[in-house]
Every structure is written in structure tokens, then in C-alpha cells.
Amino acid sequence: MTYLDIQNKVGVCPSLTGSGKLATRLNSENPNHHLWNNRGTWWAHFTLHRDDYTAERVRISLRTRDVEEARQRRDEILSSITS
């Protein structure tokens, strides 16, 4: 079971299950793109553009205090949306 499966199973981010196009700006010099630390816990944030021409800003807790693990979880989530 992947981290995204866990998130969807517990209902933390049901909006990720819908269709949409991921809007991202990647900065190769910043390994923490789409991440922020809120009182020690890492979160991911990004925008989904839906097929009905609406956009949704998604913020999801990565439930970790380790930046390396947060990067892996962020990458897993972003790659699952784009595939």
C-alpha cells in the first residue's frame, strides 16, 4: 500500500481521486518545491485544474517531520496525479 492509498483510505484528501491536470512550477535549485513546514510537520501544496474549468488548491499533510521522507511522499503524490 502506498502513501497515497493510505491518504485516500482515511479520507484525508478525497479530491485527489478526481480527474484534473496538475499545475506545477518546478525549480531544480529548490528540492523542497511544493513543500512547507508547519510547526515541524511537512505539508505539500499544489493546484489541480479540473476538466470543468475549475481549479482547486490542494494542501495535504505528509505526516512526517523528516524532510527526506516528505520529499518522497510529495513525489509519490505528484507522480500519481500526473500518471
PDB file of N, CA and C in Angstrom:
ATOM      1  N   MET A   1       0.849  -1.183   0.000  1.00  0.00           N
ATOM      2  CA  MET A   1       0.000   0.000   0.000  1.00  0.00           C
ATOM      3  C   MET A   1       0.891   1.240   0.000  1.00  0.00           C
ATOM      4  N   THR A   2       0.611   2.169  -0.886  1.00  0.00           N
ATOM      5  CA  THR A   2       1.403   3.390  -0.987  1.00  0.00           C
ATOM      6  C   THR A   2       0.874   4.453  -0.028  1.00  0.00           C
ATOM      7  N   TYR A   3       1.637   5.503   0.125  1.00  0.00           N
ATOM      8  CA  TYR A   3       1.215   6.605   0.990  1.00  0.00           C
ATOM      9  C   TYR A   3      -0.076   7.234   0.470  1.00  0.00           C
ATOM     10  N   LEU A   4      -0.206   7.377  -0.841  1.00  0.00           N
ATOM     11  CA  LEU A   4      -1.426   7.957  -1.414  1.00  0.00           C
ATOM     12  C   LEU A   4      -2.636   7.073  -1.131  1.00  0.00           C
ATOM     13  N   ASP A   5      -2.452   5.756  -1.189  1.00  0.00           N
ATOM     14  CA  ASP A   5      -3.543   4.840  -0.848  1.00  0.00           C
ATOM     15  C   ASP A   5      -4.006   5.055   0.587  1.00  0.00           C
ATOM     16  N   ILE A   6      -3.056   5.236   1.483  1.00  0.00           N
ATOM     17  CA  ILE A   6      -3.394   5.479   2.886  1.00  0.00           C
ATOM     18  C   ILE A   6      -4.174   6.782   3.025  1.00  0.00           C
ATOM     19  N   GLN A   7      -3.717   7.831   2.352  1.00  0.00           N
ATOM     20  CA  GLN A   7      -4.398   9.121   2.418  1.00  0.00           C
ATOM     21  C   GLN A   7      -5.835   9.002   1.915  1.00  0.00           C
ATOM     22  N   ASN A   8      -6.027   8.313   0.808  1.00  0.00           N
ATOM     23  CA  ASN A   8      -7.371   8.162   0.245  1.00  0.00           C
ATOM     24  C   ASN A   8      -8.255   7.276   1.110  1.00  0.00           C
ATOM     25  N   LYS A   9      -7.676   6.242   1.698  1.00  0.00           N
ATOM     26  CA  LYS A   9      -8.457   5.320   2.517  1.00  0.00           C
ATOM     27  C   LYS A   9      -9.002   6.006   3.756  1.00  0.00           C
ATOM     28  N   VAL A  10      -8.204   6.846   4.393  1.00  0.00           N
ATOM     29  CA  VAL A  10      -8.672   7.526   5.605  1.00  0.00           C
ATOM     30  C   VAL A  10      -9.449   8.789   5.268  1.00  0.00           C
ATOM     31  N   GLY A  11      -9.534   9.131   3.998  1.00  0.00           N
ATOM     32  CA  GLY A  11     -10.353  10.271   3.592  1.00  0.00           C
ATOM     33  C   GLY A  11      -9.733  11.621   3.842  1.00  0.00           C
ATOM     34  N   VAL A  12      -8.411  11.666   3.937  1.00  0.00           N
ATOM     35  CA  VAL A  12      -7.749  12.937   4.200  1.00  0.00           C
ATOM     36  C   VAL A  12      -7.837  13.864   3.006  1.00  0.00           C
ATOM     37  N   CYS A  13      -7.734  13.306   1.821  1.00  0.00           N
ATOM     38  CA  CYS A  13      -7.751  14.144   0.628  1.00  0.00           C
ATOM     39  C   CYS A  13      -8.554  13.474  -0.479  1.00  0.00           C
ATOM     40  N   PRO A  14      -9.867  13.420  -0.346  1.00  0.00           N
ATOM     41  CA  PRO A  14     -10.671  12.747  -1.361  1.00  0.00           C
ATOM     42  C   PRO A  14     -10.640  13.440  -2.708  1.00  0.00           C
ATOM     43  N   SER A  15     -10.288  14.718  -2.765  1.00  0.00           N
ATOM     44  CA  SER A  15     -10.285  15.445  -4.031  1.00  0.00           C
ATOM     45  C   SER A  15      -9.215  14.940  -4.994  1.00  0.00           C
ATOM     46  N   LEU A  16      -8.230  14.229  -4.488  1.00  0.00           N
ATOM     47  CA  LEU A  16      -7.175  13.723  -5.357  1.00  0.00           C
ATOM     48  C   LEU A  16      -7.646  12.578  -6.229  1.00  0.00           C
ATOM     49  N   THR A  17      -8.787  11.990  -5.901  1.00  0.00           N
ATOM     50  CA  THR A  17      -9.269  10.859  -6.667  1.00  0.00           C
ATOM     51  C   THR A  17      -9.947  11.284  -7.966  1.00  0.00           C
ATOM     52  N   GLY A  18     -10.330  12.545  -8.104  1.00  0.00           N
ATOM     53  CA  GLY A  18     -10.967  13.027  -9.322  1.00  0.00           C
ATOM     54  C   GLY A  18      -9.957  13.284 -10.415  1.00  0.00           C
ATOM     55  N   SER A  19     -10.462  13.619 -11.587  1.00  0.00           N
ATOM     56  CA  SER A  19      -9.561  13.888 -12.696  1.00  0.00           C
ATOM     57  C   SER A  19      -9.186  15.359 -12.697  1.00  0.00           C
ATOM     58  N   GLY A  20      -8.056  15.648 -13.265  1.00  0.00           N
ATOM     59  CA  GLY A  20      -7.602  17.018 -13.352  1.00  0.00           C
ATOM     60  C   GLY A  20      -6.176  17.074 -13.842  1.00  0.00           C
ATOM     61  N   LYS A  21      -5.727  18.277 -14.133  1.00  0.00           N
ATOM     62  CA  LYS A  21      -4.365  18.495 -14.598  1.00  0.00           C
ATOM     63  C   LYS A  21      -3.600  19.213 -13.494  1.00  0.00           C
ATOM     64  N   LEU A  22      -2.442  18.708 -13.189  1.00  0.00           N
ATOM     65  CA  LEU A  22      -1.618  19.274 -12.135  1.00  0.00           C
ATOM     66  C   LEU A  22      -0.885  20.501 -12.653  1.00  0.00           C
ATOM     67  N   ALA A  23      -0.998  21.603 -11.925  1.00  0.00           N
ATOM     68  CA  ALA A  23      -0.274  22.826 -12.276  1.00  0.00           C
ATOM     69  C   ALA A  23       0.901  22.963 -11.318  1.00  0.00           C
ATOM     70  N   THR A  24       2.105  22.846 -11.849  1.00  0.00           N
ATOM     71  CA  THR A  24       3.292  22.931 -11.005  1.00  0.00           C
ATOM     72  C   THR A  24       4.329  23.824 -11.652  1.00  0.00           C
ATOM     73  N   ARG A  25       5.093  24.449 -10.810  1.00  0.00           N
ATOM     74  CA  ARG A  25       6.273  25.197 -11.245  1.00  0.00           C
ATOM     75  C   ARG A  25       7.453  24.570 -10.532  1.00  0.00           C
ATOM     76  N   LEU A  26       8.301  23.901 -11.279  1.00  0.00           N
ATOM     77  CA  LEU A  26       9.427  23.205 -10.672  1.00  0.00           C
ATOM     78  C   LEU A  26      10.679  24.052 -10.746  1.00  0.00           C
ATOM     79  N   ASN A  27      11.380  24.115  -9.628  1.00  0.00           N
ATOM     80  CA  ASN A  27      12.644  24.828  -9.545  1.00  0.00           C
ATOM     81  C   ASN A  27      13.701  23.804  -9.165  1.00  0.00           C
ATOM     82  N   SER A  28      14.563  23.460 -10.106  1.00  0.00           N
ATOM     83  CA  SER A  28      15.562  22.419  -9.861  1.00  0.00           C
ATOM     84  C   SER A  28      16.537  22.798  -8.751  1.00  0.00           C
ATOM     85  N   GLU A  29      16.644  24.081  -8.460  1.00  0.00           N
ATOM     86  CA  GLU A  29      17.533  24.531  -7.391  1.00  0.00           C
ATOM     87  C   GLU A  29      16.881  24.419  -6.016  1.00  0.00           C
ATOM     88  N   ASN A  30      15.578  24.142  -5.975  1.00  0.00           N
ATOM     89  CA  ASN A  30      14.856  24.043  -4.720  1.00  0.00           C
ATOM     90  C   ASN A  30      14.282  22.638  -4.559  1.00  0.00           C
ATOM     91  N   PRO A  31      14.943  21.765  -3.787  1.00  0.00           N
ATOM     92  CA  PRO A  31      14.430  20.404  -3.619  1.00  0.00           C
ATOM     93  C   PRO A  31      13.142  20.349  -2.798  1.00  0.00           C
ATOM     94  N   ASN A  32      12.788  21.440  -2.151  1.00  0.00           N
ATOM     95  CA  ASN A  32      11.579  21.475  -1.320  1.00  0.00           C
ATOM     96  C   ASN A  32      10.407  22.165  -2.010  1.00  0.00           C
ATOM     97  N   HIS A  33      10.403  22.164  -3.350  1.00  0.00           N
ATOM     98  CA  HIS A  33       9.286  22.777  -4.062  1.00  0.00           C
ATOM     99  C   HIS A  33       8.001  22.067  -3.668  1.00  0.00           C
ATOM    100  N   HIS A  34       6.932  22.805  -3.538  1.00  0.00           N
ATOM    101  CA  HIS A  34       5.605  22.313  -3.152  1.00  0.00           C
ATOM    102  C   HIS A  34       5.560  21.761  -1.730  1.00  0.00           C
ATOM    103  N   LEU A  35       6.529  22.109  -0.905  1.00  0.00           N
ATOM    104  CA  LEU A  35       6.548  21.689   0.492  1.00  0.00           C
ATOM    105  C   LEU A  35       6.590  22.904   1.399  1.00  0.00           C
ATOM    106  N   TRP A  36       5.980  22.779   2.562  1.00  0.00           N
ATOM    107  CA  TRP A  36       6.214  23.758   3.606  1.00  0.00           C
ATOM    108  C   TRP A  36       6.110  23.076   4.949  1.00  0.00           C
ATOM    109  N   ASN A  37       6.823  23.652   5.913  1.00  0.00           N
ATOM    110  CA  ASN A  37       6.893  23.100   7.250  1.00  0.00           C
ATOM    111  C   ASN A  37       6.007  23.924   8.162  1.00  0.00           C
ATOM    112  N   ASN A  38       5.024  23.274   8.766  1.00  0.00           N
ATOM    113  CA  ASN A  38       4.114  23.943   9.677  1.00  0.00           C
ATOM    114  C   ASN A  38       4.309  23.356  11.074  1.00  0.00           C
ATOM    115  N   ARG A  39       5.041  24.071  11.898  1.00  0.00           N
ATOM    116  CA  ARG A  39       5.321  23.649  13.279  1.00  0.00           C
ATOM    117  C   ARG A  39       5.929  22.257  13.349  1.00  0.00           C
ATOM    118  N   GLY A  40       6.812  21.971  12.428  1.00  0.00           N
ATOM    119  CA  GLY A  40       7.542  20.710  12.455  1.00  0.00           C
ATOM    120  C   GLY A  40       6.992  19.630  11.555  1.00  0.00           C
ATOM    121  N   THR A  41       5.765  19.759  11.082  1.00  0.00           N
ATOM    122  CA  THR A  41       5.166  18.760  10.191  1.00  0.00           C
ATOM    123  C   THR A  41       5.183  19.284   8.763  1.00  0.00           C
ATOM    124  N   TRP A  42       5.628  18.446   7.840  1.00  0.00           N
ATOM    125  CA  TRP A  42       5.715  18.836   6.436  1.00  0.00           C
ATOM    126  C   TRP A  42       4.380  18.645   5.735  1.00  0.00           C
ATOM    127  N   TRP A  43       4.051  19.602   4.881  1.00  0.00           N
ATOM    128  CA  TRP A  43       2.828  19.611   4.079  1.00  0.00           C
ATOM    129  C   TRP A  43       3.201  19.796   2.619  1.00  0.00           C
ATOM    130  N   ALA A  44       2.361  19.268   1.721  1.00  0.00           N
ATOM    131  CA  ALA A  44       2.504  19.501   0.284  1.00  0.00           C
ATOM    132  C   ALA A  44       1.363  20.399  -0.169  1.00  0.00           C
ATOM    133  N   HIS A  45       1.624  21.238  -1.144  1.00  0.00           N
ATOM    134  CA  HIS A  45       0.575  22.098  -1.703  1.00  0.00           C
ATOM    135  C   HIS A  45       0.788  22.252  -3.194  1.00  0.00           C
ATOM    136  N   PHE A  46      -0.330  22.229  -3.915  1.00  0.00           N
ATOM    137  CA  PHE A  46      -0.298  22.352  -5.371  1.00  0.00           C
ATOM    138  C   PHE A  46      -1.698  22.694  -5.850  1.00  0.00           C
ATOM    139  N   THR A  47      -1.828  22.973  -7.144  1.00  0.00           N
ATOM    140  CA  THR A  47      -3.119  23.324  -7.733  1.00  0.00           C
ATOM    141  C   THR A  47      -3.511  22.287  -8.776  1.00  0.00           C
ATOM    142  N   LEU A  48      -4.775  21.868  -8.720  1.00  0.00           N
ATOM    143  CA  LEU A  48      -5.344  20.970  -9.723  1.00  0.00           C
ATOM    144  C   LEU A  48      -6.327  21.760 -10.577  1.00  0.00           C
ATOM    145  N   HIS A  49      -6.183  21.675 -11.890  1.00  0.00           N
ATOM    146  CA  HIS A  49      -7.132  22.283 -12.816  1.00  0.00           C
ATOM    147  C   HIS A  49      -8.053  21.174 -13.307  1.00  0.00           C
ATOM    148  N   ARG A  50      -9.328  21.306 -13.017  1.00  0.00           N
ATOM    149  CA  ARG A  50     -10.323  20.278 -13.318  1.00  0.00           C
ATOM    150  C   ARG A  50     -10.815  20.371 -14.763  1.00  0.00           C
ATOM    151  N   ASP A  51     -11.417  19.291 -15.217  1.00  0.00           N
ATOM    152  CA  ASP A  51     -11.962  19.239 -16.576  1.00  0.00           C
ATOM    153  C   ASP A  51     -13.123  20.208 -16.771  1.00  0.00           C
ATOM    154  N   ASP A  52     -13.787  20.600 -15.691  1.00  0.00           N
ATOM    155  CA  ASP A  52     -14.914  21.538 -15.795  1.00  0.00           C
ATOM    156  C   ASP A  52     -14.449  23.000 -15.677  1.00  0.00           C
ATOM    157  N   TYR A  53     -13.167  23.241 -15.894  1.00  0.00           N
ATOM    158  CA  TYR A  53     -12.559  24.574 -15.903  1.00  0.00           C
ATOM    159  C   TYR A  53     -12.548  25.241 -14.536  1.00  0.00           C
ATOM    160  N   THR A  54     -12.585  24.464 -13.479  1.00  0.00           N
ATOM    161  CA  THR A  54     -12.397  24.997 -12.143  1.00  0.00           C
ATOM    162  C   THR A  54     -11.002  24.598 -11.678  1.00  0.00           C
ATOM    163  N   ALA A  55     -10.523  25.272 -10.665  1.00  0.00           N
ATOM    164  CA  ALA A  55      -9.220  24.961 -10.093  1.00  0.00           C
ATOM    165  C   ALA A  55      -9.388  24.735  -8.597  1.00  0.00           C
ATOM    166  N   GLU A  56      -8.555  23.860  -8.079  1.00  0.00           N
ATOM    167  CA  GLU A  56      -8.605  23.558  -6.655  1.00  0.00           C
ATOM    168  C   GLU A  56      -7.196  23.598  -6.094  1.00  0.00           C
ATOM    169  N   ARG A  57      -7.010  24.389  -5.052  1.00  0.00           N
ATOM    170  CA  ARG A  57      -5.728  24.416  -4.365  1.00  0.00           C
ATOM    171  C   ARG A  57      -5.760  23.312  -3.320  1.00  0.00           C
ATOM    172  N   VAL A  58      -4.815  22.406  -3.408  1.00  0.00           N
ATOM    173  CA  VAL A  58      -4.774  21.250  -2.526  1.00  0.00           C
ATOM    174  C   VAL A  58      -3.616  21.407  -1.550  1.00  0.00           C
ATOM    175  N   ARG A  59      -3.926  21.198  -0.290  1.00  0.00           N
ATOM    176  CA  ARG A  59      -2.906  21.170   0.754  1.00  0.00           C
ATOM    177  C   ARG A  59      -3.123  19.880   1.526  1.00  0.00           C
ATOM    178  N   ILE A  60      -2.061  19.110   1.667  1.00  0.00           N
ATOM    179  CA  ILE A  60      -2.181  17.803   2.311  1.00  0.00           C
ATOM    180  C   ILE A  60      -1.005  17.575   3.255  1.00  0.00           C
ATOM    181  N   SER A  61      -1.322  17.149   4.457  1.00  0.00           N
ATOM    182  CA  SER A  61      -0.280  16.841   5.429  1.00  0.00           C
ATOM    183  C   SER A  61       0.456  15.589   4.996  1.00  0.00           C
ATOM    184  N   LEU A  62       1.759  15.640   5.047  1.00  0.00           N
ATOM    185  CA  LEU A  62       2.570  14.481   4.714  1.00  0.00           C
ATOM    186  C   LEU A  62       2.864  13.644   5.955  1.00  0.00           C
ATOM    187  N   ARG A  63       2.423  14.108   7.091  1.00  0.00           N
ATOM    188  CA  ARG A  63       2.502  13.383   8.368  1.00  0.00           C
ATOM    189  C   ARG A  63       3.902  12.906   8.692  1.00  0.00           C
ATOM    190  N   THR A  64       4.862  13.788   8.495  1.00  0.00           N
ATOM    191  CA  THR A  64       6.242  13.462   8.845  1.00  0.00           C
ATOM    192  C   THR A  64       6.973  14.730   9.252  1.00  0.00           C
ATOM    193  N   ARG A  65       7.982  14.551  10.068  1.00  0.00           N
ATOM    194  CA  ARG A  65       8.850  15.655  10.464  1.00  0.00           C
ATOM    195  C   ARG A  65      10.200  15.583   9.745  1.00  0.00           C
ATOM    196  N   ASP A  66      10.395  14.536   8.963  1.00  0.00           N
ATOM    197  CA  ASP A  66      11.634  14.306   8.239  1.00  0.00           C
ATOM    198  C   ASP A  66      11.509  14.851   6.816  1.00  0.00           C
ATOM    199  N   VAL A  67      12.391  15.771   6.446  1.00  0.00           N
ATOM    200  CA  VAL A  67      12.291  16.419   5.141  1.00  0.00           C
ATOM    201  C   VAL A  67      12.538  15.428   4.002  1.00  0.00           C
ATOM    202  N   GLU A  68      13.423  14.475   4.186  1.00  0.00           N
ATOM    203  CA  GLU A  68      13.686  13.483   3.131  1.00  0.00           C
ATOM    204  C   GLU A  68      12.439  12.636   2.871  1.00  0.00           C
ATOM    205  N   GLU A  69      11.795  12.203   3.935  1.00  0.00           N
ATOM    206  CA  GLU A  69      10.569  11.420   3.788  1.00  0.00           C
ATOM    207  C   GLU A  69       9.457  12.267   3.170  1.00  0.00           C
ATOM    208  N   ALA A  70       9.395  13.542   3.547  1.00  0.00           N
ATOM    209  CA  ALA A  70       8.394  14.451   2.981  1.00  0.00           C
ATOM    210  C   ALA A  70       8.590  14.599   1.479  1.00  0.00           C
ATOM    211  N   ARG A  71       9.838  14.709   1.037  1.00  0.00           N
ATOM    212  CA  ARG A  71      10.116  14.817  -0.401  1.00  0.00           C
ATOM    213  C   ARG A  71       9.660  13.558  -1.138  1.00  0.00           C
ATOM    214  N   GLN A  72       9.903  12.392  -0.561  1.00  0.00           N
ATOM    215  CA  GLN A  72       9.479  11.146  -1.192  1.00  0.00           C
ATOM    216  C   GLN A  72       7.960  11.060  -1.280  1.00  0.00           C
ATOM    217  N   ARG A  73       7.284  11.427  -0.210  1.00  0.00           N
ATOM    218  CA  ARG A  73       5.826  11.378  -0.206  1.00  0.00           C
ATOM    219  C   ARG A  73       5.236  12.383  -1.183  1.00  0.00           C
ATOM    220  N   ARG A  74       5.824  13.584  -1.240  1.00  0.00           N
ATOM    221  CA  ARG A  74       5.375  14.589  -2.212  1.00  0.00           C
ATOM    222  C   ARG A  74       5.541  14.076  -3.629  1.00  0.00           C
ATOM    223  N   ASP A  75       6.687  13.498  -3.927  1.00  0.00           N
ATOM    224  CA  ASP A  75       6.947  12.979  -5.266  1.00  0.00           C
ATOM    225  C   ASP A  75       5.969  11.871  -5.627  1.00  0.00           C
ATOM    226  N   GLU A  76       5.636  11.010  -4.666  1.00  0.00           N
ATOM    227  CA  GLU A  76       4.688   9.928  -4.907  1.00  0.00           C
ATOM    228  C   GLU A  76       3.311  10.488  -5.228  1.00  0.00           C
ATOM    229  N   ILE A  77       2.884  11.477  -4.472  1.00  0.00           N
ATOM    230  CA  ILE A  77       1.577  12.082  -4.695  1.00  0.00           C
ATOM    231  C   ILE A  77       1.525  12.774  -6.045  1.00  0.00           C
ATOM    232  N   LEU A  78       2.530  13.587  -6.353  1.00  0.00           N
ATOM    233  CA  LEU A  78       2.540  14.325  -7.620  1.00  0.00           C
ATOM    234  C   LEU A  78       2.622  13.379  -8.814  1.00  0.00           C
ATOM    235  N   SER A  79       3.409  12.331  -8.708  1.00  0.00           N
ATOM    236  CA  SER A  79       3.524  11.403  -9.850  1.00  0.00           C
ATOM    237  C   SER A  79       2.241  10.608 -10.038  1.00  0.00           C
ATOM    238  N   SER A  80       1.524  10.319  -8.961  1.00  0.00           N
ATOM    239  CA  SER A  80       0.281   9.562  -9.104  1.00  0.00           C
ATOM    240  C   SER A  80      -0.802  10.415  -9.763  1.00  0.00           C
ATOM    241  N   ILE A  81      -0.736  11.718  -9.593  1.00  0.00           N
ATOM    242  CA  ILE A  81      -1.718  12.607 -10.211  1.00  0.00           C
ATOM    243  C   ILE A  81      -1.432  12.777 -11.697  1.00  0.00           C
ATOM    244  N   THR A  82      -0.161  12.854 -12.055  1.00  0.00           N
ATOM    245  CA  THR A  82       0.200  13.093 -13.458  1.00  0.00           C
ATOM    246  C   THR A  82       0.128  11.831 -14.299  1.00  0.00           C
ATOM    247  N   SER A  83       0.069  10.656 -13.676  1.00  0.00           N
ATOM    248  CA  SER A  83       0.017   9.420 -14.472  1.00  0.00           C
ATOM    249  C   SER A  83      -1.389   8.973 -14.758  1.00  0.00           C
TER     250      SER A  83
END
